[in-house]
Amino acid sequence: MVDDALTETADAGSKLVGRAQGIYTFSAQNESAIVMSMGLGFTDGPYAGSTLSVMGKNMFMNPTRELPVVGGTGLFRMARGYAVLKTVTLNTTNGDAVVGYNVTVYTPASSGNGQDSPVTTNALSSSSSPPTTMMARERWWMVGAAIAAAAFL
């Protein structure tokens, strides 16, 4: 299980905007991959009270990878899209990692015209105006030949 901080930037003292909570399951014998089911819950900022659901195969040792956004609540109700994850820092000794999430989602238009409205949440910029920033702080530890999610910052 995971319960990671979502912050505006990669800095350890950055403003907390929510939590990344879910489950990681190892899914491959011959590659570094996990299947993750994670909810990004926003507690502060323009998306406070809303969530995004990210689910899919995460090749976590690749510096950049893409996962699907399969839903959401609040401002992200019925969201669909993708998240590009980029490892900002990874300490293989103690397992600490900071991962940037650049999320693009589409939600049903509130105008009722049948058009989707794109919303981009950019975890890799330092801008505090939309697109909003988001960083997940993860901690990992070694378990045999695998890596497992651990206690969080």
C-alpha atoms as a PDB file:
ATOM      1  CA  MET A   1       0.000   0.000   0.000  1.00  0.00           C
ATOM      2  CA  VAL A   2       1.109   3.547  -0.614  1.00  0.00           C
ATOM      3  CA  ASP A   3       0.299   6.881   0.989  1.00  0.00           C
ATOM      4  CA  ASP A   4       2.597   9.478  -0.587  1.00  0.00           C
ATOM      5  CA  ALA A   5       2.624  13.255  -0.310  1.00  0.00           C
ATOM      6  CA  LEU A   6       1.649  15.308  -3.387  1.00  0.00           C
ATOM      7  CA  THR A   7       3.566  18.579  -3.391  1.00  0.00           C
ATOM      8  CA  GLU A   8       3.854  21.522  -5.770  1.00  0.00           C
ATOM      9  CA  THR A   9       7.543  21.002  -6.546  1.00  0.00           C
ATOM     10  CA  ALA A  10      10.300  18.447  -5.977  1.00  0.00           C
ATOM     11  CA  ASP A  11      11.624  20.418  -2.984  1.00  0.00           C
ATOM     12  CA  ALA A  12      11.111  18.603   0.341  1.00  0.00           C
ATOM     13  CA  GLY A  13       9.688  21.810   1.853  1.00  0.00           C
ATOM     14  CA  SER A  14       7.233  22.364  -0.996  1.00  0.00           C
ATOM     15  CA  LYS A  15       3.549  23.005  -0.294  1.00  0.00           C
ATOM     16  CA  LEU A  16       1.471  19.859   0.255  1.00  0.00           C
ATOM     17  CA  VAL A  17      -1.506  19.780  -2.165  1.00  0.00           C
ATOM     18  CA  GLY A  18      -2.771  16.240  -1.527  1.00  0.00           C
ATOM     19  CA  ARG A  19      -1.972  12.550  -1.172  1.00  0.00           C
ATOM     20  CA  ALA A  20      -1.260   9.718  -3.633  1.00  0.00           C
ATOM     21  CA  GLN A  21      -2.838   6.626  -2.100  1.00  0.00           C
ATOM     22  CA  GLY A  22      -3.261   3.128  -3.479  1.00  0.00           C
ATOM     23  CA  ILE A  23      -1.732  -0.273  -4.122  1.00  0.00           C
ATOM     24  CA  TYR A  24       1.368  -1.352  -6.075  1.00  0.00           C
ATOM     25  CA  THR A  25       1.675  -5.005  -7.120  1.00  0.00           C
ATOM     26  CA  PHE A  26       4.720  -6.554  -8.760  1.00  0.00           C
ATOM     27  CA  SER A  27       3.664  -7.831 -12.161  1.00  0.00           C
ATOM     28  CA  ALA A  28       6.694  -9.108 -14.060  1.00  0.00           C
ATOM     29  CA  GLN A  29       9.357 -11.763 -13.568  1.00  0.00           C
ATOM     30  CA  ASN A  30      11.933 -10.452 -16.033  1.00  0.00           C
ATOM     31  CA  GLU A  31      11.545  -6.671 -15.818  1.00  0.00           C
ATOM     32  CA  SER A  32      11.094  -3.967 -13.207  1.00  0.00           C
ATOM     33  CA  ALA A  33       7.346  -3.406 -13.411  1.00  0.00           C
ATOM     34  CA  ILE A  34       4.439  -2.897 -11.061  1.00  0.00           C
ATOM     35  CA  VAL A  35       0.728  -2.613 -11.656  1.00  0.00           C
ATOM     36  CA  MET A  36      -0.546   0.354  -9.724  1.00  0.00           C
ATOM     37  CA  SER A  37      -4.009   1.446  -8.711  1.00  0.00           C
ATOM     38  CA  MET A  38      -3.697   4.910  -7.224  1.00  0.00           C
ATOM     39  CA  GLY A  39      -5.975   7.766  -6.292  1.00  0.00           C
ATOM     40  CA  LEU A  40      -4.529  11.272  -6.372  1.00  0.00           C
ATOM     41  CA  GLY A  41      -6.566  13.124  -3.750  1.00  0.00           C
ATOM     42  CA  PHE A  42      -6.261  16.910  -3.712  1.00  0.00           C
ATOM     43  CA  THR A  43      -6.613  18.668  -0.348  1.00  0.00           C
ATOM     44  CA  ASP A  44      -5.441  22.183  -1.245  1.00  0.00           C
ATOM     45  CA  GLY A  45      -5.321  24.482  -4.252  1.00  0.00           C
ATOM     46  CA  PRO A  46      -7.737  24.784  -7.175  1.00  0.00           C
ATOM     47  CA  TYR A  47      -8.543  21.033  -7.217  1.00  0.00           C
ATOM     48  CA  ALA A  48      -9.167  20.633  -3.451  1.00  0.00           C
ATOM     49  CA  GLY A  49     -11.774  17.957  -2.795  1.00  0.00           C
ATOM     50  CA  SER A  50     -11.279  16.326  -6.211  1.00  0.00           C
ATOM     51  CA  THR A  51      -9.507  13.082  -7.099  1.00  0.00           C
ATOM     52  CA  LEU A  52      -7.924  11.429 -10.123  1.00  0.00           C
ATOM     53  CA  SER A  53      -7.610   7.646 -10.541  1.00  0.00           C
ATOM     54  CA  VAL A  54      -4.428   6.324 -12.185  1.00  0.00           C
ATOM     55  CA  MET A  55      -4.161   2.623 -12.980  1.00  0.00           C
ATOM     56  CA  GLY A  56      -1.777   0.570 -15.088  1.00  0.00           C
ATOM     57  CA  LYS A  57       1.650  -0.958 -15.608  1.00  0.00           C
ATOM     58  CA  ASN A  58       4.476   1.224 -14.306  1.00  0.00           C
ATOM     59  CA  MET A  59       7.975   0.399 -15.597  1.00  0.00           C
ATOM     60  CA  PHE A  60       9.335   2.260 -12.574  1.00  0.00           C
ATOM     61  CA  MET A  61      13.039   1.981 -13.414  1.00  0.00           C
ATOM     62  CA  ASN A  62      12.505   3.859 -16.706  1.00  0.00           C
ATOM     63  CA  PRO A  63      13.175   7.581 -16.229  1.00  0.00           C
ATOM     64  CA  THR A  64       9.891   8.479 -17.994  1.00  0.00           C
ATOM     65  CA  ARG A  65       6.742   6.393 -18.387  1.00  0.00           C
ATOM     66  CA  GLU A  66       3.035   6.814 -19.183  1.00  0.00           C
ATOM     67  CA  LEU A  67      -0.020   5.495 -17.335  1.00  0.00           C
ATOM     68  CA  PRO A  68      -3.743   5.881 -18.024  1.00  0.00           C
ATOM     69  CA  VAL A  69      -6.051   8.110 -15.996  1.00  0.00           C
ATOM     70  CA  VAL A  70      -9.243   6.072 -15.711  1.00  0.00           C
ATOM     71  CA  GLY A  71     -11.547   8.363 -13.752  1.00  0.00           C
ATOM     72  CA  GLY A  72     -11.963  11.008 -11.125  1.00  0.00           C
ATOM     73  CA  THR A  73     -14.313  12.851  -8.787  1.00  0.00           C
ATOM     74  CA  GLY A  74     -15.260  16.463  -8.143  1.00  0.00           C
ATOM     75  CA  LEU A  75     -13.767  18.714 -10.820  1.00  0.00           C
ATOM     76  CA  PHE A  76     -12.414  15.560 -12.490  1.00  0.00           C
ATOM     77  CA  ARG A  77     -15.718  13.617 -12.544  1.00  0.00           C
ATOM     78  CA  MET A  78     -15.671  11.072 -15.409  1.00  0.00           C
ATOM     79  CA  ALA A  79     -12.088  12.056 -16.309  1.00  0.00           C
ATOM     80  CA  ARG A  80     -10.053  10.088 -18.805  1.00  0.00           C
ATOM     81  CA  GLY A  81      -6.526  10.746 -20.003  1.00  0.00           C
ATOM     82  CA  TYR A  82      -2.929   9.934 -19.217  1.00  0.00           C
ATOM     83  CA  ALA A  83      -0.161  10.693 -16.744  1.00  0.00           C
ATOM     84  CA  VAL A  84       3.475  11.008 -17.787  1.00  0.00           C
ATOM     85  CA  LEU A  85       5.644  10.069 -14.808  1.00  0.00           C
ATOM     86  CA  LYS A  86       9.234  11.265 -14.592  1.00  0.00           C
ATOM     87  CA  THR A  87      11.645  10.211 -11.868  1.00  0.00           C
ATOM     88  CA  VAL A  88      13.203  13.393 -10.480  1.00  0.00           C
ATOM     89  CA  THR A  89      15.344  11.738  -7.808  1.00  0.00           C
ATOM     90  CA  LEU A  90      15.897   8.123  -6.782  1.00  0.00           C
ATOM     91  CA  ASN A  91      18.125   7.108  -3.890  1.00  0.00           C
ATOM     92  CA  THR A  92      18.784   3.389  -4.364  1.00  0.00           C
ATOM     93  CA  THR A  93      20.440   3.174  -0.929  1.00  0.00           C
ATOM     94  CA  ASN A  94      17.454   4.238   1.192  1.00  0.00           C
ATOM     95  CA  GLY A  95      14.710   3.968  -1.436  1.00  0.00           C
ATOM     96  CA  ASP A  96      13.576   7.590  -1.371  1.00  0.00           C
ATOM     97  CA  ALA A  97      12.186   8.822  -4.690  1.00  0.00           C
ATOM     98  CA  VAL A  98      10.494  11.925  -6.036  1.00  0.00           C
ATOM     99  CA  VAL A  99       8.346  11.357  -9.115  1.00  0.00           C
ATOM    100  CA  GLY A 100       6.811  14.134 -11.217  1.00  0.00           C
ATOM    101  CA  TYR A 101       3.324  13.600 -12.658  1.00  0.00           C
ATOM    102  CA  ASN A 102       2.349  15.532 -15.802  1.00  0.00           C
ATOM    103  CA  VAL A 103      -1.349  14.698 -16.089  1.00  0.00           C
ATOM    104  CA  THR A 104      -3.654  15.480 -19.018  1.00  0.00           C
ATOM    105  CA  VAL A 105      -7.317  14.585 -18.571  1.00  0.00           C
ATOM    106  CA  TYR A 106     -10.546  15.181 -20.442  1.00  0.00           C
ATOM    107  CA  THR A 107     -13.830  15.700 -18.599  1.00  0.00           C
ATOM    108  CA  PRO A 108     -17.364  16.091 -19.980  1.00  0.00           C
ATOM    109  CA  ALA A 109     -18.026  19.728 -20.892  1.00  0.00           C
ATOM    110  CA  SER A 110     -20.282  21.576 -18.478  1.00  0.00           C
ATOM    111  CA  SER A 111     -21.752  23.522 -21.412  1.00  0.00           C
ATOM    112  CA  GLY A 112     -23.728  20.468 -22.521  1.00  0.00           C
ATOM    113  CA  ASN A 113     -22.515  20.764 -26.129  1.00  0.00           C
ATOM    114  CA  GLY A 114     -21.055  17.256 -26.122  1.00  0.00           C
ATOM    115  CA  GLN A 115     -17.453  18.496 -26.376  1.00  0.00           C
ATOM    116  CA  ASP A 116     -14.789  17.376 -23.924  1.00  0.00           C
ATOM    117  CA  SER A 117     -12.807  19.929 -21.947  1.00  0.00           C
ATOM    118  CA  PRO A 118      -9.070  19.225 -21.559  1.00  0.00           C
ATOM    119  CA  VAL A 119      -7.477  19.920 -18.186  1.00  0.00           C
ATOM    120  CA  THR A 120      -3.713  19.622 -17.792  1.00  0.00           C
ATOM    121  CA  THR A 121      -2.058  19.232 -14.409  1.00  0.00           C
ATOM    122  CA  ASN A 122       1.668  19.674 -14.983  1.00  0.00           C
ATOM    123  CA  ALA A 123       3.874  18.180 -12.306  1.00  0.00           C
ATOM    124  CA  LEU A 124       7.112  19.087 -14.006  1.00  0.00           C
ATOM    125  CA  SER A 125       6.934  22.885 -14.076  1.00  0.00           C
ATOM    126  CA  SER A 126       7.381  25.294 -11.203  1.00  0.00           C
ATOM    127  CA  SER A 127       4.417  27.471 -12.162  1.00  0.00           C
ATOM    128  CA  SER A 128       1.816  27.992  -9.444  1.00  0.00           C
ATOM    129  CA  SER A 129      -0.876  29.090 -11.901  1.00  0.00           C
ATOM    130  CA  PRO A 130      -2.695  26.570 -14.092  1.00  0.00           C
ATOM    131  CA  PRO A 131      -1.399  24.176 -15.146  1.00  0.00           C
ATOM    132  CA  THR A 132      -0.876  23.228 -11.501  1.00  0.00           C
ATOM    133  CA  THR A 133       2.210  21.422 -10.257  1.00  0.00           C
ATOM    134  CA  MET A 134       2.236  18.054  -8.552  1.00  0.00           C
ATOM    135  CA  MET A 135       5.018  15.832  -7.212  1.00  0.00           C
ATOM    136  CA  ALA A 136       4.643  12.438  -5.545  1.00  0.00           C
ATOM    137  CA  ARG A 137       7.190  11.594  -2.880  1.00  0.00           C
ATOM    138  CA  GLU A 138       7.712   7.866  -2.756  1.00  0.00           C
ATOM    139  CA  ARG A 139       9.885   5.669  -0.617  1.00  0.00           C
ATOM    140  CA  TRP A 140      10.988   2.201  -1.670  1.00  0.00           C
ATOM    141  CA  TRP A 141      12.917  -0.595  -0.039  1.00  0.00           C
ATOM    142  CA  MET A 142      14.530  -3.728  -1.409  1.00  0.00           C
ATOM    143  CA  VAL A 143      12.795  -7.073  -0.798  1.00  0.00           C
ATOM    144  CA  GLY A 144      14.866  -9.894  -2.225  1.00  0.00           C
ATOM    145  CA  ALA A 145      15.214  -9.202  -5.942  1.00  0.00           C
ATOM    146  CA  ALA A 146      12.176  -6.915  -6.026  1.00  0.00           C
ATOM    147  CA  ILE A 147      11.380  -3.376  -4.924  1.00  0.00           C
ATOM    148  CA  ALA A 148       8.313  -2.786  -2.759  1.00  0.00           C
ATOM    149  CA  ALA A 149       6.517   0.384  -1.699  1.00  0.00           C
ATOM    150  CA  ALA A 150       7.335   1.377   1.859  1.00  0.00           C
ATOM    151  CA  ALA A 151       6.805   4.031   4.516  1.00  0.00           C
ATOM    152  CA  PHE A 152       6.300   7.469   3.078  1.00  0.00           C
ATOM    153  CA  LEU A 153       7.462  11.003   3.650  1.00  0.00           C
END
